[in-house]
Amino acid sequence: MTAEAPARRFEIVPAGAAPEASLLLASRALRAFGDGLISLLLPVHLAGLGFGPLEIGALATATLAGSAALTLAVGLVAHRLPGRGSLVGAALLMVLTGLAFPLAEGFWPLFLIAFVGTINPSSGDVSVFLPLEQARLAHAVPDQHRTGLFARYSLIGSLSAAVGALCAGGPEMLAAATGIDPDAAIEGAFVLYALLGLASLLLYRHLPESRADAASTPAEPLRRSRGIVLRLAALFSLDAFAGGLVVQSLLALWLFERFGLSLAAAGAIFFWTGVLSAVSYLVAVRIAARIGLINTMVFTHLPANICLVLVPFAPNLGTAIALLLVRSLLSQMDVPTRTSYVMAVVTPGERAAAASVTAVPRSLASALGPLLAGHLLALSGFGWPLVLGGGLKIIYDLSLLGMFRNVRPPEEVPAGPRRA
């Protein structure tokens, strides 16, 4: 009688991962929940203060530009900074941001807090946390499990952000049930954001002071991998600029104005888009194992961007939601594969610098998008930012395929029979 093979189980942390991987995944979950919550409440809070689409777009630009500046500052000295100290400092900044944001009412005080702080208007992580965590994660697991770990990192972030978006209707329901001022309820959400930053800080304090392999692969600035990293950074910047045109806060604002959605309804929509994005991260690992990282990045991204271009032409809300859901199922498969690709084509010592060098131009480019999107929305309610953003992303996909289809990471290059 033949024994049945044990069923494969999904493990939160891949086999062989260092203990710090669990701490980084937990902090990712906390921060992503806060980002998902605030990304929908931010336009409502700002509109309640009397700001229009252009001002809201400018403040979203300030948040992304500030994140880029901070990431650049960290990236220039990433090879000399202890990862734990940098992450603890970033978490402290998150606490201060959550406490300060509801206290300001004028445009310029809000602009300053947005620039200096960690508020994130998008559904993805574009903050200084990202390159710092990614560099540590890349060293926390054997190379063959790296894509899987980054997929889990993205999966947890997407699911947590989806739950945060779903909870965005909470202040509205709390105000209706208790009779408190709706604006005060929304301001309470920013305090919750600060508490999530405090919880992340406590997690970071349990990280080892240095990476597990720091002695064997000390961090160093970009040298041998400079050329490929700069080319990737340029392409990623184009994609990020296009993504900045459709950050979640402004996409929510367009849905509010175009279809008259309530905050709770918008939260439900973004919850399901987040869930579908989370599913796509796991699928991306299997697809990448079959067709390679670059092919996975391009051939899942293209149809997603076509859907994005079509959303403003949707004749009704149902069609627009269907297109957004299909887009969400496909558009994020390039996130773990992109990160894994960058970590694979550079030397281990250059990974921290490569993560920052590719993240900084992305953040700078994405910072320009919301301001332009806000201007376009102020001129017309049609949804031109979605059309322009989707079109630029299609150009990015085709350029990436043309430039890097033959640049394969070591694990994708056939090297004869391998031992099991």
Protein backbone atom coordinates (compact mmCIF):
# COMPACT_ATOMS: atom_id res chain seq x y z
CA MET A 1 0.00 0.00 0.00
CA THR A 2 1.53 3.27 -1.14
CA ALA A 3 1.50 6.15 1.28
CA GLU A 4 0.00 9.37 -0.06
CA ALA A 5 2.34 12.31 -0.53
CA PRO A 6 1.72 14.98 2.07
CA ALA A 7 -0.24 17.96 0.79
CA ARG A 8 1.79 21.06 0.13
CA ARG A 9 1.08 23.75 2.70
CA PHE A 10 1.43 27.45 2.24
CA GLU A 11 3.91 28.78 4.77
CA ILE A 12 3.93 32.44 5.73
CA VAL A 13 7.73 32.36 5.96
CA PRO A 14 9.60 30.10 3.48
CA ALA A 15 11.75 27.29 4.80
CA GLY A 16 15.26 28.38 5.73
CA ALA A 17 14.34 32.03 6.30
CA ALA A 18 16.04 33.92 9.13
CA PRO A 19 13.86 34.87 12.13
CA GLU A 20 13.95 38.56 11.16
CA ALA A 21 11.80 37.75 8.10
CA SER A 22 8.77 37.20 10.36
CA LEU A 23 9.30 40.55 12.06
CA LEU A 24 9.58 42.37 8.73
CA LEU A 25 6.44 40.70 7.38
CA ALA A 26 4.52 41.63 10.53
CA SER A 27 5.61 45.27 10.32
CA ARG A 28 4.65 45.30 6.64
CA ALA A 29 1.13 44.16 7.60
CA LEU A 30 0.72 46.92 10.18
CA ARG A 31 1.98 49.68 7.92
CA ALA A 32 -0.04 48.50 4.92
CA PHE A 33 -3.24 48.49 6.96
CA GLY A 34 -2.57 52.10 7.88
CA ASP A 35 -1.78 53.03 4.27
CA GLY A 36 -4.96 51.39 2.97
CA LEU A 37 -7.06 53.19 5.58
CA ILE A 38 -5.52 56.63 5.12
CA SER A 39 -5.34 56.51 1.31
CA LEU A 40 -9.17 56.62 1.14
CA LEU A 41 -9.71 58.95 4.09
CA LEU A 42 -7.10 61.44 2.89
CA PRO A 43 -9.12 62.93 -0.02
CA VAL A 44 -12.25 63.03 2.16
CA HIS A 45 -10.38 64.78 4.97
CA LEU A 46 -8.81 67.29 2.59
CA ALA A 47 -12.08 67.94 0.74
CA GLY A 48 -13.69 68.57 4.13
CA LEU A 49 -11.09 71.28 4.72
CA GLY A 50 -12.20 72.95 1.48
CA PHE A 51 -9.49 71.77 -0.91
CA GLY A 52 -10.25 70.90 -4.54
CA PRO A 53 -8.71 68.23 -6.84
CA LEU A 54 -5.68 70.40 -7.72
CA GLU A 55 -4.79 71.06 -4.08
CA ILE A 56 -5.37 67.42 -3.14
CA GLY A 57 -3.14 66.37 -6.01
CA ALA A 58 -0.45 68.81 -4.87
CA LEU A 59 -0.53 67.41 -1.32
CA ALA A 60 -0.32 63.86 -2.68
CA THR A 61 2.69 64.99 -4.71
CA ALA A 62 4.26 66.39 -1.53
CA THR A 63 3.90 63.04 0.25
CA LEU A 64 5.60 61.16 -2.58
CA ALA A 65 8.31 63.78 -3.12
CA GLY A 66 9.14 63.77 0.57
CA SER A 67 9.37 59.98 0.59
CA ALA A 68 11.71 60.16 -2.39
CA ALA A 69 13.95 62.74 -0.70
CA LEU A 70 14.17 60.70 2.49
CA THR A 71 14.82 57.49 0.58
CA LEU A 72 17.56 59.24 -1.40
CA ALA A 73 19.19 60.47 1.81
CA VAL A 74 19.12 56.96 3.24
CA GLY A 75 20.23 55.39 -0.04
CA LEU A 76 23.36 57.52 -0.28
CA VAL A 77 24.61 56.08 3.00
CA ALA A 78 22.74 52.75 2.97
CA HIS A 79 25.97 50.79 3.02
CA ARG A 80 26.99 52.51 6.28
CA LEU A 81 23.67 52.60 8.16
CA PRO A 82 22.55 49.83 10.53
CA GLY A 83 19.25 48.58 9.11
CA ARG A 84 17.55 48.40 12.50
CA GLY A 85 18.37 51.97 13.44
CA SER A 86 17.09 53.29 10.10
CA LEU A 87 13.84 51.36 10.38
CA VAL A 88 13.27 52.45 13.98
CA GLY A 89 13.79 56.07 12.93
CA ALA A 90 11.35 55.70 10.02
CA ALA A 91 8.73 54.19 12.35
CA LEU A 92 9.14 57.10 14.77
CA LEU A 93 8.53 59.48 11.85
CA MET A 94 5.33 57.54 11.07
CA VAL A 95 4.13 58.09 14.64
CA LEU A 96 4.80 61.82 14.45
CA THR A 97 3.08 62.08 11.06
CA GLY A 98 -0.11 60.47 12.32
CA LEU A 99 -0.24 62.79 15.32
CA ALA A 100 0.56 65.98 13.39
CA PHE A 101 -1.61 65.60 10.29
CA PRO A 102 -5.06 66.13 11.90
CA LEU A 103 -3.78 69.20 13.78
CA ALA A 104 -3.06 71.19 10.61
CA GLU A 105 -5.74 72.89 8.53
CA GLY A 106 -3.94 75.31 6.20
CA PHE A 107 -2.50 74.20 2.88
CA TRP A 108 1.16 75.01 3.61
CA PRO A 109 1.31 73.39 7.07
CA LEU A 110 -0.28 70.28 5.55
CA PHE A 111 2.16 70.46 2.64
CA LEU A 112 5.11 70.52 5.04
CA ILE A 113 3.80 67.60 7.11
CA ALA A 114 3.03 65.65 3.93
CA PHE A 115 6.54 66.26 2.59
CA VAL A 116 8.40 65.41 5.78
CA GLY A 117 6.12 62.60 6.95
CA THR A 118 5.16 59.11 5.83
CA ILE A 119 1.56 59.53 4.63
CA ASN A 120 1.06 57.34 1.56
CA PRO A 121 -1.73 58.18 -0.95
CA SER A 122 -1.18 55.03 -3.00
CA SER A 123 -2.15 51.39 -2.48
CA GLY A 124 1.49 50.28 -2.63
CA ASP A 125 4.44 51.05 -0.41
CA VAL A 126 6.53 53.94 -1.74
CA SER A 127 8.09 55.03 1.53
CA VAL A 128 11.61 54.82 2.92
CA PHE A 129 10.60 51.58 4.65
CA LEU A 130 10.55 49.74 1.33
CA PRO A 131 14.24 49.66 0.30
CA LEU A 132 15.36 49.15 3.91
CA GLU A 133 13.09 46.15 4.40
CA GLN A 134 13.74 44.71 0.95
CA ALA A 135 17.51 44.74 1.42
CA ARG A 136 17.19 42.81 4.68
CA LEU A 137 14.66 40.37 3.24
CA ALA A 138 16.93 39.58 0.29
CA HIS A 139 19.53 38.30 2.74
CA ALA A 140 17.06 36.58 5.06
CA VAL A 141 16.32 33.62 2.79
CA PRO A 142 18.21 31.31 0.38
CA ASP A 143 18.27 32.56 -3.22
CA GLN A 144 15.90 29.86 -4.49
CA HIS A 145 13.20 31.12 -2.10
CA ARG A 146 13.79 34.84 -2.66
CA THR A 147 10.94 35.41 -5.15
CA GLY A 148 8.60 33.47 -2.88
CA LEU A 149 9.51 35.61 0.13
CA PHE A 150 9.01 38.84 -1.81
CA ALA A 151 5.66 37.49 -3.03
CA ARG A 152 4.64 36.91 0.59
CA TYR A 153 5.85 40.40 1.49
CA SER A 154 3.66 41.86 -1.27
CA LEU A 155 0.77 39.48 -0.47
CA ILE A 156 0.66 40.49 3.18
CA GLY A 157 0.91 44.15 2.25
CA SER A 158 -1.90 43.94 -0.29
CA LEU A 159 -4.26 42.00 1.99
CA SER A 160 -3.59 44.33 4.90
CA ALA A 161 -4.09 47.40 2.71
CA ALA A 162 -7.35 45.88 1.44
CA VAL A 163 -8.62 45.43 4.99
CA GLY A 164 -7.54 48.99 5.76
CA ALA A 165 -9.51 50.26 2.75
CA LEU A 166 -12.56 48.27 3.89
CA CYS A 167 -12.29 49.90 7.32
CA ALA A 168 -12.27 53.36 5.73
CA GLY A 169 -16.03 53.40 6.08
CA GLY A 170 -15.65 52.95 9.83
CA PRO A 171 -15.42 56.63 10.80
CA GLU A 172 -18.52 57.40 8.74
CA MET A 173 -20.49 54.57 10.41
CA LEU A 174 -19.13 55.48 13.85
CA ALA A 175 -20.26 59.08 13.40
CA ALA A 176 -23.74 57.95 12.32
CA ALA A 177 -24.07 55.52 15.23
CA THR A 178 -22.76 57.76 18.00
CA GLY A 179 -23.55 61.24 16.75
CA ILE A 180 -19.97 62.44 16.98
CA ASP A 181 -18.60 64.86 14.41
CA PRO A 182 -17.63 62.92 11.22
CA ASP A 183 -14.50 65.05 10.85
CA ALA A 184 -13.43 64.12 14.38
CA ALA A 185 -13.94 60.43 13.55
CA ILE A 186 -11.70 60.76 10.50
CA GLU A 187 -9.07 62.56 12.55
CA GLY A 188 -9.17 59.60 14.97
CA ALA A 189 -8.08 57.37 12.07
CA PHE A 190 -4.88 59.39 11.77
CA VAL A 191 -4.21 58.73 15.46
CA LEU A 192 -4.69 55.02 14.75
CA TYR A 193 -2.12 55.40 11.97
CA ALA A 194 0.31 56.78 14.56
CA LEU A 195 -0.34 53.81 16.85
CA LEU A 196 0.41 51.43 13.98
CA GLY A 197 3.72 53.23 13.53
CA LEU A 198 4.44 52.72 17.22
CA ALA A 199 3.70 48.99 16.93
CA SER A 200 6.06 48.79 13.94
CA LEU A 201 8.75 50.55 15.94
CA LEU A 202 8.49 47.94 18.69
CA LEU A 203 8.84 45.16 16.12
CA TYR A 204 11.91 46.76 14.55
CA ARG A 205 13.58 46.97 17.95
CA HIS A 206 13.62 43.15 18.01
CA LEU A 207 15.57 42.95 14.74
CA PRO A 208 19.24 41.96 14.97
CA GLU A 209 21.52 44.98 14.75
CA SER A 210 23.03 43.66 11.50
CA ARG A 211 22.03 41.17 8.83
CA ALA A 212 22.65 37.49 9.46
CA ASP A 213 25.21 37.35 6.63
CA ALA A 214 26.73 40.79 7.09
CA ALA A 215 30.14 39.34 7.86
CA SER A 216 30.31 37.33 4.64
CA THR A 217 28.66 39.91 2.34
CA PRO A 218 29.18 43.40 3.75
CA ALA A 219 27.04 46.14 2.23
CA GLU A 220 28.77 48.32 -0.34
CA PRO A 221 27.88 51.09 -2.83
CA LEU A 222 27.03 50.30 -6.44
CA ARG A 223 30.03 49.43 -8.57
CA ARG A 224 29.86 46.39 -10.87
CA SER A 225 26.07 46.53 -11.21
CA ARG A 226 25.78 50.28 -11.72
CA GLY A 227 24.89 50.16 -15.43
CA ILE A 228 22.04 47.67 -15.24
CA VAL A 229 20.65 49.23 -12.07
CA LEU A 230 20.55 52.71 -13.63
CA ARG A 231 18.78 51.39 -16.74
CA LEU A 232 16.23 49.58 -14.61
CA ALA A 233 15.77 52.68 -12.46
CA ALA A 234 15.01 54.76 -15.56
CA LEU A 235 12.35 52.32 -16.75
CA PHE A 236 10.87 51.92 -13.29
CA SER A 237 10.60 55.71 -13.13
CA LEU A 238 8.42 55.77 -16.24
CA ASP A 239 6.16 53.14 -14.70
CA ALA A 240 6.07 55.03 -11.41
CA PHE A 241 5.18 58.34 -13.06
CA ALA A 242 2.29 56.59 -14.78
CA GLY A 243 1.28 55.00 -11.49
CA GLY A 244 1.35 58.41 -9.81
CA LEU A 245 -1.43 59.50 -12.14
CA VAL A 246 -3.73 56.85 -10.64
CA VAL A 247 -2.72 56.69 -6.96
CA GLN A 248 -5.50 55.25 -4.84
CA SER A 249 -6.44 58.56 -3.21
CA LEU A 250 -7.05 60.26 -6.57
CA LEU A 251 -8.70 57.20 -8.10
CA ALA A 252 -11.07 57.21 -5.15
CA LEU A 253 -11.68 60.94 -5.65
CA TRP A 254 -12.55 60.30 -9.32
CA LEU A 255 -14.98 57.52 -8.34
CA PHE A 256 -16.58 59.78 -5.72
CA GLU A 257 -17.15 62.53 -8.28
CA ARG A 258 -17.97 60.40 -11.35
CA PHE A 259 -20.36 57.91 -9.74
CA GLY A 260 -21.27 59.54 -6.41
CA LEU A 261 -19.92 56.67 -4.33
CA SER A 262 -20.07 56.68 -0.54
CA LEU A 263 -16.90 56.16 1.47
CA ALA A 264 -18.10 52.71 2.55
CA ALA A 265 -18.82 51.66 -1.05
CA ALA A 266 -15.42 52.87 -2.22
CA GLY A 267 -13.82 50.99 0.67
CA ALA A 268 -15.55 47.78 -0.41
CA ILE A 269 -14.35 48.21 -4.00
CA PHE A 270 -10.76 48.78 -2.96
CA PHE A 271 -10.97 45.88 -0.53
CA TRP A 272 -11.69 43.48 -3.39
CA THR A 273 -9.10 45.04 -5.67
CA GLY A 274 -6.60 44.53 -2.86
CA VAL A 275 -7.64 40.91 -2.36
CA LEU A 276 -7.27 40.16 -6.06
CA SER A 277 -3.86 41.85 -6.08
CA ALA A 278 -2.86 39.64 -3.16
CA VAL A 279 -3.90 36.52 -5.03
CA SER A 280 -1.85 37.62 -8.02
CA TYR A 281 1.35 37.73 -5.95
CA LEU A 282 1.23 33.99 -5.29
CA VAL A 283 0.35 33.21 -8.89
CA ALA A 284 3.29 35.34 -10.00
CA VAL A 285 5.75 32.99 -8.28
CA ARG A 286 4.51 29.98 -10.24
CA ILE A 287 4.38 31.86 -13.52
CA ALA A 288 7.89 33.24 -13.01
CA ALA A 289 9.19 29.72 -12.36
CA ARG A 290 7.89 28.71 -15.80
CA ILE A 291 8.50 31.70 -18.07
CA GLY A 292 11.03 33.82 -16.16
CA LEU A 293 10.89 37.06 -14.20
CA ILE A 294 10.93 39.54 -17.10
CA ASN A 295 8.25 37.71 -19.10
CA THR A 296 6.05 37.54 -16.01
CA MET A 297 6.49 41.26 -15.40
CA VAL A 298 5.56 42.21 -18.96
CA PHE A 299 2.90 39.75 -20.10
CA THR A 300 0.75 40.15 -16.98
CA HIS A 301 1.17 43.93 -16.88
CA LEU A 302 0.12 44.63 -20.48
CA PRO A 303 -3.52 43.43 -20.27
CA ALA A 304 -3.87 45.12 -16.88
CA ASN A 305 -2.90 48.44 -18.40
CA ILE A 306 -5.30 48.00 -21.30
CA CYS A 307 -8.06 47.60 -18.69
CA LEU A 308 -6.91 50.80 -16.99
CA VAL A 309 -7.15 52.76 -20.26
CA LEU A 310 -10.70 51.46 -20.79
CA VAL A 311 -12.06 52.38 -17.32
CA PRO A 312 -13.02 56.02 -18.16
CA PHE A 313 -14.94 54.76 -21.22
CA ALA A 314 -17.08 52.42 -19.09
CA PRO A 315 -20.78 53.21 -19.61
CA ASN A 316 -21.71 52.51 -15.98
CA LEU A 317 -20.30 51.83 -12.54
CA GLY A 318 -20.56 48.04 -12.87
CA THR A 319 -18.38 47.97 -15.99
CA ALA A 320 -15.83 50.33 -14.43
CA ILE A 321 -15.60 48.13 -11.31
CA ALA A 322 -15.21 44.98 -13.45
CA LEU A 323 -12.31 46.56 -15.36
CA LEU A 324 -10.67 47.68 -12.11
CA LEU A 325 -11.02 44.18 -10.65
CA VAL A 326 -9.47 42.53 -13.72
CA ARG A 327 -6.68 45.07 -13.65
CA SER A 328 -6.02 44.34 -9.96
CA LEU A 329 -5.80 40.62 -10.63
CA LEU A 330 -3.02 41.17 -13.18
CA SER A 331 -1.29 44.47 -12.50
CA GLN A 332 0.64 43.56 -9.35
CA MET A 333 2.33 40.36 -10.53
CA ASP A 334 5.32 42.46 -11.50
CA VAL A 335 5.88 43.69 -7.94
CA PRO A 336 7.57 40.65 -6.32
CA THR A 337 9.15 39.62 -9.62
CA ARG A 338 10.58 43.11 -10.18
CA THR A 339 12.09 43.20 -6.70
CA SER A 340 13.47 39.69 -7.03
CA TYR A 341 14.95 40.53 -10.45
CA VAL A 342 16.80 43.58 -9.10
CA MET A 343 18.16 41.59 -6.15
CA ALA A 344 19.22 38.76 -8.50
CA VAL A 345 21.18 40.77 -11.07
CA VAL A 346 23.35 42.65 -8.55
CA THR A 347 25.99 41.34 -6.20
CA PRO A 348 24.85 40.56 -2.62
CA GLY A 349 26.81 43.47 -1.19
CA GLU A 350 25.14 45.94 -3.57
CA ARG A 351 21.58 44.95 -2.75
CA ALA A 352 20.88 47.70 -0.22
CA ALA A 353 22.21 50.37 -2.59
CA ALA A 354 20.36 48.85 -5.58
CA ALA A 355 17.09 48.81 -3.64
CA SER A 356 17.47 52.51 -2.83
CA VAL A 357 18.72 53.55 -6.28
CA THR A 358 15.74 51.90 -7.97
CA ALA A 359 13.30 53.13 -5.33
CA VAL A 360 14.34 56.80 -5.27
CA PRO A 361 13.74 57.61 -8.98
CA ARG A 362 10.46 55.69 -8.75
CA SER A 363 9.38 57.83 -5.82
CA LEU A 364 10.48 61.06 -7.51
CA ALA A 365 8.70 60.15 -10.74
CA SER A 366 5.53 59.03 -8.98
CA ALA A 367 5.51 62.31 -7.05
CA LEU A 368 4.94 64.25 -10.27
CA GLY A 369 1.88 62.23 -11.26
CA PRO A 370 -0.70 63.29 -8.62
CA LEU A 371 -0.21 67.00 -9.31
CA LEU A 372 -0.83 66.47 -13.03
CA ALA A 373 -3.73 64.12 -12.30
CA GLY A 374 -5.32 66.65 -9.95
CA HIS A 375 -5.00 69.33 -12.64
CA LEU A 376 -6.60 67.05 -15.25
CA LEU A 377 -9.45 66.13 -12.89
CA ALA A 378 -10.05 69.81 -12.16
CA LEU A 379 -10.37 70.46 -15.91
CA SER A 380 -12.52 67.43 -16.75
CA GLY A 381 -14.28 64.62 -14.92
CA PHE A 382 -13.73 62.18 -17.78
CA GLY A 383 -10.77 60.32 -16.30
CA TRP A 384 -7.87 61.42 -18.47
CA PRO A 385 -5.30 60.47 -15.79
CA LEU A 386 -6.33 56.81 -16.20
CA VAL A 387 -5.96 56.92 -19.97
CA LEU A 388 -2.58 58.66 -19.82
CA GLY A 389 -1.33 56.45 -16.98
CA GLY A 390 -2.34 53.23 -18.73
CA GLY A 391 -0.78 54.34 -22.02
CA LEU A 392 2.56 55.19 -20.41
CA LYS A 393 2.58 51.89 -18.56
CA ILE A 394 2.13 50.04 -21.86
CA ILE A 395 5.19 51.89 -23.22
CA TYR A 396 7.10 50.83 -20.09
CA ASP A 397 6.14 47.18 -20.57
CA LEU A 398 7.29 47.06 -24.18
CA SER A 399 10.53 48.90 -23.37
CA LEU A 400 11.33 46.54 -20.49
CA LEU A 401 10.82 43.52 -22.71
CA GLY A 402 12.97 44.96 -25.48
CA MET A 403 15.88 45.93 -23.22
CA PHE A 404 16.03 43.07 -20.70
CA ARG A 405 14.50 39.94 -22.22
CA ASN A 406 18.00 38.50 -22.69
CA VAL A 407 19.38 39.65 -19.32
CA ARG A 408 18.56 36.68 -17.15
CA PRO A 409 19.39 36.24 -13.44
CA PRO A 410 21.73 33.34 -12.56
CA GLU A 411 18.97 31.02 -11.34
CA GLU A 412 17.20 31.24 -14.75
CA VAL A 413 20.31 30.38 -16.78
CA PRO A 414 20.51 26.64 -17.56
CA ALA A 415 23.60 25.17 -15.96
CA GLY A 416 23.29 21.47 -16.59
CA PRO A 417 21.78 18.90 -14.25
CA ARG A 418 21.30 20.03 -10.67
CA ARG A 419 21.28 17.90 -7.60
CA ALA A 420 18.01 17.71 -5.73
